[in-house]
Amino acid sequence: MSEELATSERQIDNERLRVTEWRFAPGAATGHHRHAYDYAIVPVVDGELELIESDGRRSRAELRRGKAYFRYAGVEHNVINAGTDEMIFIEIELKG
């Protein structure tokens, strides 16, 4: 059985910035990926994510609507909606 994938909608993509809206049904995942740029996440709704690192370590993150967080380039993980409702957030990537 294959894992349901999160959906994304690119809103801005230019030489300096990329902004993407991500939507995750309960249990949906991004698939394993590596972030090429520094980025910020701004949750649109409250929710809980499960993060699976490259080495298999798992952790959970509680996201709160409007409470942004920042990560440096190089992060590698799979992100899964661990909640019971749709998770929506805006990802802002800084290209340099």
N, C-alpha and C. Protein backbone atom coordinates (compact mmCIF):
# COMPACT_ATOMS: atom_id res chain seq x y z
N MET A 1 0.84 -1.19 0.00
CA MET A 1 0.00 0.00 0.00
C MET A 1 0.89 1.25 0.00
N SER A 2 0.65 2.17 -0.91
CA SER A 2 1.49 3.36 -0.99
C SER A 2 0.97 4.45 -0.06
N GLU A 3 1.90 5.26 0.40
CA GLU A 3 1.60 6.36 1.29
C GLU A 3 1.01 7.52 0.48
N GLU A 4 -0.04 8.14 0.99
CA GLU A 4 -0.62 9.30 0.31
C GLU A 4 0.35 10.46 0.41
N LEU A 5 0.50 11.21 -0.68
CA LEU A 5 1.42 12.34 -0.70
C LEU A 5 0.71 13.65 -0.43
N ALA A 6 1.42 14.54 0.26
CA ALA A 6 0.94 15.90 0.47
C ALA A 6 0.88 16.59 -0.90
N THR A 7 0.07 17.63 -1.00
CA THR A 7 -0.01 18.40 -2.24
C THR A 7 0.62 19.77 -2.02
N SER A 8 1.14 20.34 -3.09
CA SER A 8 1.77 21.65 -2.97
C SER A 8 1.32 22.55 -4.10
N GLU A 9 1.29 23.85 -3.80
CA GLU A 9 0.98 24.86 -4.81
C GLU A 9 2.03 25.96 -4.70
N ARG A 10 2.82 26.11 -5.74
CA ARG A 10 3.85 27.15 -5.78
C ARG A 10 3.16 28.49 -5.96
N GLN A 11 3.47 29.44 -5.08
CA GLN A 11 2.85 30.76 -5.14
C GLN A 11 3.80 31.83 -5.68
N ILE A 12 5.08 31.71 -5.32
CA ILE A 12 6.12 32.62 -5.82
C ILE A 12 7.35 31.79 -6.09
N ASP A 13 8.03 32.06 -7.19
CA ASP A 13 9.30 31.40 -7.47
C ASP A 13 10.12 32.32 -8.37
N ASN A 14 11.07 33.03 -7.75
CA ASN A 14 11.94 33.92 -8.52
C ASN A 14 13.39 33.69 -8.11
N GLU A 15 14.29 34.57 -8.50
CA GLU A 15 15.71 34.35 -8.24
C GLU A 15 16.08 34.45 -6.75
N ARG A 16 15.21 35.01 -5.90
CA ARG A 16 15.54 35.21 -4.49
C ARG A 16 14.70 34.40 -3.52
N LEU A 17 13.50 33.96 -3.96
CA LEU A 17 12.52 33.43 -3.02
C LEU A 17 11.61 32.41 -3.68
N ARG A 18 11.25 31.39 -2.91
CA ARG A 18 10.23 30.44 -3.36
C ARG A 18 9.23 30.28 -2.21
N VAL A 19 7.94 30.45 -2.52
CA VAL A 19 6.87 30.31 -1.52
C VAL A 19 5.92 29.23 -2.01
N THR A 20 5.70 28.23 -1.14
CA THR A 20 4.86 27.09 -1.50
C THR A 20 3.85 26.83 -0.39
N GLU A 21 2.59 26.62 -0.77
CA GLU A 21 1.58 26.18 0.20
C GLU A 21 1.54 24.66 0.16
N TRP A 22 1.64 24.02 1.33
CA TRP A 22 1.57 22.56 1.46
C TRP A 22 0.29 22.18 2.19
N ARG A 23 -0.38 21.14 1.66
CA ARG A 23 -1.60 20.59 2.29
C ARG A 23 -1.41 19.10 2.48
N PHE A 24 -1.68 18.64 3.70
CA PHE A 24 -1.52 17.24 4.06
C PHE A 24 -2.82 16.71 4.62
N ALA A 25 -3.42 15.73 3.99
CA ALA A 25 -4.52 15.00 4.62
C ALA A 25 -3.94 14.23 5.80
N PRO A 26 -4.75 13.81 6.75
CA PRO A 26 -4.22 12.99 7.85
C PRO A 26 -3.46 11.78 7.28
N GLY A 27 -2.23 11.58 7.75
CA GLY A 27 -1.41 10.47 7.30
C GLY A 27 -0.61 10.74 6.03
N ALA A 28 -0.88 11.83 5.34
CA ALA A 28 -0.15 12.15 4.10
C ALA A 28 1.27 12.61 4.41
N ALA A 29 2.18 12.40 3.45
CA ALA A 29 3.60 12.69 3.66
C ALA A 29 4.19 13.43 2.47
N THR A 30 5.31 14.10 2.71
CA THR A 30 6.02 14.78 1.63
C THR A 30 6.86 13.80 0.82
N GLY A 31 7.25 12.69 1.43
CA GLY A 31 8.28 11.84 0.87
C GLY A 31 9.63 12.38 1.31
N HIS A 32 10.63 11.51 1.36
CA HIS A 32 11.95 11.93 1.83
C HIS A 32 12.52 12.98 0.89
N HIS A 33 13.07 14.05 1.46
CA HIS A 33 13.65 15.13 0.67
C HIS A 33 14.72 15.86 1.46
N ARG A 34 15.55 16.61 0.73
CA ARG A 34 16.60 17.44 1.33
C ARG A 34 16.33 18.89 0.96
N HIS A 35 16.41 19.77 1.95
CA HIS A 35 16.19 21.19 1.70
C HIS A 35 17.47 21.83 1.18
N ALA A 36 17.40 22.37 -0.02
CA ALA A 36 18.56 23.00 -0.66
C ALA A 36 18.78 24.43 -0.17
N TYR A 37 17.75 25.04 0.41
CA TYR A 37 17.82 26.44 0.84
C TYR A 37 17.40 26.56 2.31
N ASP A 38 17.88 27.63 2.97
CA ASP A 38 17.31 28.00 4.26
C ASP A 38 15.83 28.22 4.06
N TYR A 39 15.02 27.92 5.09
CA TYR A 39 13.58 28.07 4.91
C TYR A 39 12.86 28.38 6.21
N ALA A 40 11.68 28.97 6.08
CA ALA A 40 10.78 29.22 7.20
C ALA A 40 9.45 28.55 6.89
N ILE A 41 8.80 28.06 7.93
CA ILE A 41 7.48 27.46 7.83
C ILE A 41 6.50 28.32 8.62
N VAL A 42 5.36 28.64 8.02
CA VAL A 42 4.30 29.38 8.71
C VAL A 42 3.04 28.53 8.66
N PRO A 43 2.65 27.90 9.78
CA PRO A 43 1.43 27.09 9.81
C PRO A 43 0.18 27.95 9.60
N VAL A 44 -0.73 27.44 8.80
CA VAL A 44 -2.02 28.10 8.57
C VAL A 44 -3.05 27.59 9.56
N VAL A 45 -2.86 26.39 10.04
CA VAL A 45 -3.75 25.76 11.03
C VAL A 45 -2.87 25.10 12.11
N ASP A 46 -3.46 24.79 13.25
CA ASP A 46 -2.78 24.00 14.27
C ASP A 46 -2.67 22.56 13.79
N GLY A 47 -1.61 21.87 14.18
CA GLY A 47 -1.48 20.47 13.80
C GLY A 47 -0.25 19.83 14.39
N GLU A 48 -0.09 18.54 14.13
CA GLU A 48 1.06 17.79 14.60
C GLU A 48 1.68 17.05 13.42
N LEU A 49 3.00 17.15 13.32
CA LEU A 49 3.74 16.47 12.26
C LEU A 49 4.66 15.42 12.87
N GLU A 50 4.85 14.33 12.13
CA GLU A 50 5.89 13.37 12.47
C GLU A 50 7.02 13.57 11.47
N LEU A 51 8.25 13.66 11.96
CA LEU A 51 9.42 13.87 11.13
C LEU A 51 10.29 12.63 11.20
N ILE A 52 10.64 12.10 10.03
CA ILE A 52 11.51 10.93 9.97
C ILE A 52 12.80 11.37 9.29
N GLU A 53 13.89 11.36 10.07
CA GLU A 53 15.20 11.80 9.58
C GLU A 53 15.82 10.73 8.68
N SER A 54 16.89 11.09 7.98
CA SER A 54 17.58 10.17 7.08
C SER A 54 18.05 8.91 7.77
N ASP A 55 18.44 9.03 9.06
CA ASP A 55 18.95 7.87 9.81
C ASP A 55 17.84 7.07 10.48
N GLY A 56 16.56 7.44 10.19
CA GLY A 56 15.43 6.71 10.74
C GLY A 56 14.89 7.25 12.05
N ARG A 57 15.60 8.22 12.66
CA ARG A 57 15.09 8.82 13.90
C ARG A 57 13.75 9.49 13.63
N ARG A 58 12.85 9.35 14.59
CA ARG A 58 11.51 9.95 14.48
C ARG A 58 11.30 10.96 15.60
N SER A 59 10.61 12.04 15.26
CA SER A 59 10.24 13.03 16.27
C SER A 59 8.90 13.62 15.87
N ARG A 60 8.30 14.31 16.80
CA ARG A 60 7.02 14.98 16.55
C ARG A 60 7.18 16.47 16.75
N ALA A 61 6.42 17.24 15.99
CA ALA A 61 6.44 18.70 16.12
C ALA A 61 5.00 19.19 16.19
N GLU A 62 4.71 19.98 17.22
CA GLU A 62 3.41 20.63 17.35
C GLU A 62 3.49 21.97 16.64
N LEU A 63 2.63 22.19 15.66
CA LEU A 63 2.60 23.47 14.95
C LEU A 63 1.37 24.25 15.38
N ARG A 64 1.55 25.54 15.55
CA ARG A 64 0.46 26.43 15.94
C ARG A 64 0.27 27.50 14.87
N ARG A 65 -0.98 27.71 14.51
CA ARG A 65 -1.33 28.67 13.46
C ARG A 65 -0.61 29.99 13.68
N GLY A 66 0.10 30.44 12.64
CA GLY A 66 0.75 31.74 12.66
C GLY A 66 2.08 31.79 13.39
N LYS A 67 2.53 30.70 14.00
CA LYS A 67 3.79 30.67 14.75
C LYS A 67 4.89 30.07 13.86
N ALA A 68 5.65 30.93 13.22
CA ALA A 68 6.65 30.51 12.24
C ALA A 68 7.89 29.91 12.92
N TYR A 69 8.61 29.08 12.16
CA TYR A 69 9.92 28.61 12.60
C TYR A 69 10.85 28.56 11.40
N PHE A 70 12.17 28.53 11.67
CA PHE A 70 13.20 28.63 10.65
C PHE A 70 14.14 27.43 10.75
N ARG A 71 14.63 26.95 9.59
CA ARG A 71 15.63 25.89 9.53
C ARG A 71 16.66 26.24 8.45
N TYR A 72 17.89 25.80 8.68
CA TYR A 72 18.96 26.01 7.69
C TYR A 72 18.90 24.95 6.60
N ALA A 73 19.47 25.26 5.44
CA ALA A 73 19.57 24.32 4.33
C ALA A 73 20.27 23.05 4.80
N GLY A 74 19.95 21.95 4.15
CA GLY A 74 20.60 20.68 4.45
C GLY A 74 19.75 19.71 5.23
N VAL A 75 18.64 20.18 5.79
CA VAL A 75 17.75 19.29 6.53
C VAL A 75 17.23 18.21 5.58
N GLU A 76 17.27 16.95 6.02
CA GLU A 76 16.75 15.83 5.23
C GLU A 76 15.74 15.08 6.08
N HIS A 77 14.54 14.90 5.53
CA HIS A 77 13.50 14.21 6.29
C HIS A 77 12.30 13.87 5.40
N ASN A 78 11.40 13.09 5.98
CA ASN A 78 10.06 12.88 5.45
C ASN A 78 9.13 13.50 6.49
N VAL A 79 8.13 14.25 6.05
CA VAL A 79 7.21 14.93 6.95
C VAL A 79 5.82 14.33 6.75
N ILE A 80 5.21 13.89 7.86
CA ILE A 80 3.91 13.22 7.82
C ILE A 80 2.93 13.95 8.72
N ASN A 81 1.70 14.14 8.26
CA ASN A 81 0.66 14.71 9.10
C ASN A 81 0.24 13.65 10.12
N ALA A 82 0.60 13.87 11.38
CA ALA A 82 0.29 12.93 12.45
C ALA A 82 -1.03 13.26 13.13
N GLY A 83 -1.72 14.29 12.67
CA GLY A 83 -2.98 14.69 13.27
C GLY A 83 -4.18 14.05 12.60
N THR A 84 -5.37 14.43 13.06
CA THR A 84 -6.62 13.89 12.53
C THR A 84 -7.31 14.83 11.55
N ASP A 85 -6.76 16.05 11.40
CA ASP A 85 -7.32 17.04 10.49
C ASP A 85 -6.28 17.41 9.43
N GLU A 86 -6.73 18.05 8.36
CA GLU A 86 -5.80 18.50 7.33
C GLU A 86 -4.80 19.47 7.92
N MET A 87 -3.53 19.33 7.55
CA MET A 87 -2.47 20.26 7.95
C MET A 87 -2.14 21.12 6.76
N ILE A 88 -2.02 22.42 6.99
CA ILE A 88 -1.68 23.37 5.93
C ILE A 88 -0.59 24.29 6.46
N PHE A 89 0.48 24.45 5.68
CA PHE A 89 1.47 25.46 6.04
C PHE A 89 2.08 26.08 4.80
N ILE A 90 2.67 27.25 4.99
CA ILE A 90 3.38 27.97 3.93
C ILE A 90 4.87 27.79 4.17
N GLU A 91 5.59 27.34 3.13
CA GLU A 91 7.05 27.19 3.20
C GLU A 91 7.67 28.32 2.39
N ILE A 92 8.60 29.05 3.02
CA ILE A 92 9.28 30.16 2.37
C ILE A 92 10.75 29.81 2.31
N GLU A 93 11.26 29.59 1.09
CA GLU A 93 12.66 29.23 0.88
C GLU A 93 13.44 30.45 0.42
N LEU A 94 14.60 30.67 1.04
CA LEU A 94 15.45 31.82 0.73
C LEU A 94 16.57 31.35 -0.17
N LYS A 95 16.56 31.79 -1.42
CA LYS A 95 17.51 31.28 -2.41
C LYS A 95 18.88 31.95 -2.35
N GLY A 96 19.03 32.96 -1.54
CA GLY A 96 20.35 33.58 -1.44
C GLY A 96 20.26 35.02 -1.52
